[in-house]
Amino acid sequence: MRSKGTIFRFGDAQIAIAWVLRQEGVVTIPKATKPDHVRANREALDIRLTHQDLEDLAHEFPTPSRKVPLEML
């Protein structure tokens, strides 16, 4: 999946945080055990996902057709 667009330049966790931050009424509390993790999590605030990025994510992670348990990243 990491072939183009904004998502190519950032880590998986950063993209996940950026996506969650776009959702109205949803909060994310990312784990950060080291200063590098704190910095990476903070960088997620600056990520601007493009329309193409969102389409790529929707294609890679389609909405489930039934209830499924959530996975931890």
N, C-alpha and C. Protein backbone atom coordinates (compact mmCIF):
# COMPACT_ATOMS: atom_id res chain seq x y z
N MET A 1 0.82 -1.19 0.00
CA MET A 1 0.00 0.00 0.00
C MET A 1 0.86 1.26 0.00
N ARG A 2 2.01 1.23 0.57
CA ARG A 2 2.84 2.42 0.72
C ARG A 2 3.50 2.81 -0.59
N SER A 3 2.71 3.17 -1.57
CA SER A 3 3.29 3.44 -2.87
C SER A 3 3.17 4.88 -3.33
N LYS A 4 2.27 5.65 -2.75
CA LYS A 4 2.06 7.00 -3.27
C LYS A 4 1.42 7.89 -2.22
N GLY A 5 1.37 9.15 -2.53
CA GLY A 5 0.65 10.11 -1.70
C GLY A 5 1.30 10.37 -0.34
N THR A 6 0.55 11.01 0.50
CA THR A 6 1.00 11.42 1.82
C THR A 6 1.41 10.21 2.66
N ILE A 7 0.68 9.13 2.55
CA ILE A 7 0.91 7.99 3.43
C ILE A 7 2.26 7.34 3.22
N PHE A 8 2.90 7.60 2.11
CA PHE A 8 4.21 7.01 1.83
C PHE A 8 5.29 7.56 2.75
N ARG A 9 5.13 8.79 3.21
CA ARG A 9 6.19 9.48 3.97
C ARG A 9 6.11 9.28 5.49
N PHE A 10 5.08 8.63 5.97
CA PHE A 10 4.87 8.52 7.42
C PHE A 10 4.69 7.07 7.84
N GLY A 11 4.82 6.83 9.14
CA GLY A 11 4.64 5.49 9.69
C GLY A 11 3.17 5.11 9.79
N ASP A 12 2.93 3.82 9.94
CA ASP A 12 1.56 3.32 10.04
C ASP A 12 0.80 3.96 11.20
N ALA A 13 1.45 4.04 12.37
CA ALA A 13 0.79 4.62 13.54
C ALA A 13 0.46 6.09 13.31
N GLN A 14 1.37 6.82 12.66
CA GLN A 14 1.11 8.24 12.38
C GLN A 14 -0.10 8.40 11.45
N ILE A 15 -0.19 7.56 10.45
CA ILE A 15 -1.34 7.63 9.53
C ILE A 15 -2.63 7.29 10.27
N ALA A 16 -2.57 6.26 11.12
CA ALA A 16 -3.76 5.89 11.89
C ALA A 16 -4.21 7.04 12.79
N ILE A 17 -3.26 7.68 13.45
CA ILE A 17 -3.60 8.82 14.32
C ILE A 17 -4.17 9.95 13.50
N ALA A 18 -3.55 10.26 12.37
CA ALA A 18 -4.05 11.34 11.50
C ALA A 18 -5.47 11.05 11.03
N TRP A 19 -5.74 9.79 10.68
CA TRP A 19 -7.09 9.42 10.21
C TRP A 19 -8.10 9.59 11.34
N VAL A 20 -7.76 9.12 12.55
CA VAL A 20 -8.68 9.25 13.69
C VAL A 20 -8.95 10.71 14.00
N LEU A 21 -7.92 11.55 13.92
CA LEU A 21 -8.10 12.96 14.23
C LEU A 21 -9.05 13.67 13.26
N ARG A 22 -9.26 13.10 12.08
CA ARG A 22 -10.20 13.67 11.10
C ARG A 22 -11.65 13.37 11.46
N GLN A 23 -11.87 12.38 12.32
CA GLN A 23 -13.21 11.93 12.64
C GLN A 23 -13.82 12.81 13.72
N GLU A 24 -14.97 13.38 13.42
CA GLU A 24 -15.63 14.24 14.38
C GLU A 24 -16.16 13.41 15.55
N GLY A 25 -15.93 13.90 16.76
CA GLY A 25 -16.44 13.23 17.95
C GLY A 25 -15.64 12.01 18.38
N VAL A 26 -14.46 11.82 17.81
CA VAL A 26 -13.61 10.68 18.15
C VAL A 26 -12.30 11.21 18.72
N VAL A 27 -11.80 10.53 19.74
CA VAL A 27 -10.55 10.93 20.39
C VAL A 27 -9.56 9.78 20.27
N THR A 28 -8.30 10.12 20.13
CA THR A 28 -7.26 9.11 20.14
C THR A 28 -6.30 9.38 21.29
N ILE A 29 -5.89 8.31 21.95
CA ILE A 29 -4.90 8.42 23.02
C ILE A 29 -3.77 7.47 22.66
N PRO A 30 -2.81 7.95 21.86
CA PRO A 30 -1.73 7.07 21.42
C PRO A 30 -0.73 6.78 22.54
N LYS A 31 -0.23 5.57 22.54
CA LYS A 31 0.79 5.18 23.51
C LYS A 31 2.13 5.79 23.10
N ALA A 32 2.87 6.26 24.09
CA ALA A 32 4.20 6.81 23.82
C ALA A 32 5.09 6.50 25.02
N THR A 33 5.96 5.52 24.85
CA THR A 33 6.83 5.12 25.95
C THR A 33 8.22 5.74 25.86
N LYS A 34 8.52 6.35 24.72
CA LYS A 34 9.84 6.95 24.51
C LYS A 34 9.67 8.34 23.89
N PRO A 35 10.62 9.22 24.09
CA PRO A 35 10.54 10.56 23.49
C PRO A 35 10.34 10.52 21.97
N ASP A 36 10.96 9.56 21.28
CA ASP A 36 10.77 9.44 19.83
C ASP A 36 9.31 9.16 19.48
N HIS A 37 8.65 8.35 20.31
CA HIS A 37 7.23 8.05 20.07
C HIS A 37 6.37 9.30 20.25
N VAL A 38 6.71 10.08 21.28
CA VAL A 38 5.96 11.33 21.51
C VAL A 38 6.10 12.25 20.30
N ARG A 39 7.32 12.38 19.78
CA ARG A 39 7.55 13.25 18.62
C ARG A 39 6.80 12.72 17.39
N ALA A 40 6.85 11.42 17.16
CA ALA A 40 6.15 10.84 16.01
C ALA A 40 4.64 11.04 16.14
N ASN A 41 4.11 10.86 17.34
CA ASN A 41 2.68 11.08 17.55
C ASN A 41 2.31 12.53 17.30
N ARG A 42 3.16 13.44 17.74
CA ARG A 42 2.90 14.87 17.52
C ARG A 42 2.92 15.22 16.04
N GLU A 43 3.82 14.59 15.28
CA GLU A 43 3.90 14.85 13.84
C GLU A 43 2.60 14.46 13.13
N ALA A 44 1.86 13.53 13.70
CA ALA A 44 0.60 13.11 13.10
C ALA A 44 -0.40 14.27 13.00
N LEU A 45 -0.27 15.24 13.91
CA LEU A 45 -1.16 16.41 13.85
C LEU A 45 -0.96 17.22 12.58
N ASP A 46 0.23 17.16 12.01
CA ASP A 46 0.55 17.96 10.83
C ASP A 46 0.24 17.24 9.51
N ILE A 47 -0.14 15.98 9.59
CA ILE A 47 -0.42 15.21 8.37
C ILE A 47 -1.77 15.64 7.80
N ARG A 48 -1.77 15.98 6.54
CA ARG A 48 -3.01 16.33 5.83
C ARG A 48 -3.26 15.24 4.80
N LEU A 49 -4.17 14.36 5.11
CA LEU A 49 -4.50 13.27 4.19
C LEU A 49 -5.28 13.82 3.01
N THR A 50 -4.85 13.48 1.81
CA THR A 50 -5.52 13.93 0.60
C THR A 50 -6.72 13.04 0.31
N HIS A 51 -7.54 13.48 -0.61
CA HIS A 51 -8.69 12.66 -1.03
C HIS A 51 -8.19 11.30 -1.54
N GLN A 52 -7.11 11.32 -2.30
CA GLN A 52 -6.56 10.06 -2.81
C GLN A 52 -6.04 9.17 -1.68
N ASP A 53 -5.40 9.77 -0.67
CA ASP A 53 -4.95 9.00 0.49
C ASP A 53 -6.13 8.30 1.16
N LEU A 54 -7.21 9.04 1.35
CA LEU A 54 -8.39 8.47 2.00
C LEU A 54 -9.01 7.35 1.16
N GLU A 55 -9.03 7.53 -0.15
CA GLU A 55 -9.53 6.47 -1.03
C GLU A 55 -8.64 5.23 -0.95
N ASP A 56 -7.33 5.44 -0.93
CA ASP A 56 -6.39 4.32 -0.81
C ASP A 56 -6.60 3.57 0.51
N LEU A 57 -6.78 4.32 1.60
CA LEU A 57 -7.02 3.69 2.90
C LEU A 57 -8.34 2.94 2.91
N ALA A 58 -9.38 3.52 2.32
CA ALA A 58 -10.68 2.85 2.27
C ALA A 58 -10.61 1.57 1.45
N HIS A 59 -9.81 1.58 0.40
CA HIS A 59 -9.64 0.38 -0.43
C HIS A 59 -8.86 -0.69 0.33
N GLU A 60 -7.81 -0.27 1.04
CA GLU A 60 -6.98 -1.21 1.79
C GLU A 60 -7.69 -1.76 3.03
N PHE A 61 -8.52 -0.91 3.64
CA PHE A 61 -9.23 -1.28 4.87
C PHE A 61 -10.72 -0.99 4.70
N PRO A 62 -11.44 -1.83 3.95
CA PRO A 62 -12.85 -1.57 3.69
C PRO A 62 -13.70 -1.66 4.97
N THR A 63 -14.80 -0.95 4.96
CA THR A 63 -15.74 -1.00 6.07
C THR A 63 -16.30 -2.41 6.18
N PRO A 64 -16.26 -3.01 7.38
CA PRO A 64 -16.77 -4.37 7.51
C PRO A 64 -18.27 -4.43 7.29
N SER A 65 -18.74 -5.56 6.80
CA SER A 65 -20.17 -5.73 6.54
C SER A 65 -20.91 -6.27 7.78
N ARG A 66 -20.15 -6.61 8.82
CA ARG A 66 -20.73 -7.09 10.08
C ARG A 66 -19.84 -6.60 11.23
N LYS A 67 -20.32 -6.76 12.45
CA LYS A 67 -19.52 -6.37 13.60
C LYS A 67 -18.31 -7.27 13.73
N VAL A 68 -17.17 -6.63 13.95
CA VAL A 68 -15.92 -7.37 14.14
C VAL A 68 -15.16 -6.72 15.29
N PRO A 69 -14.38 -7.49 16.05
CA PRO A 69 -13.59 -6.88 17.13
C PRO A 69 -12.49 -6.00 16.55
N LEU A 70 -12.16 -4.95 17.26
CA LEU A 70 -11.11 -4.04 16.82
C LEU A 70 -9.75 -4.60 17.17
N GLU A 71 -8.78 -4.33 16.31
CA GLU A 71 -7.41 -4.75 16.57
C GLU A 71 -6.61 -3.56 17.09
N MET A 72 -5.65 -3.84 17.91
CA MET A 72 -4.73 -2.81 18.40
C MET A 72 -3.58 -2.69 17.43
N LEU A 73 -3.14 -1.47 17.14
CA LEU A 73 -1.98 -1.27 16.26
C LEU A 73 -0.71 -1.32 17.06
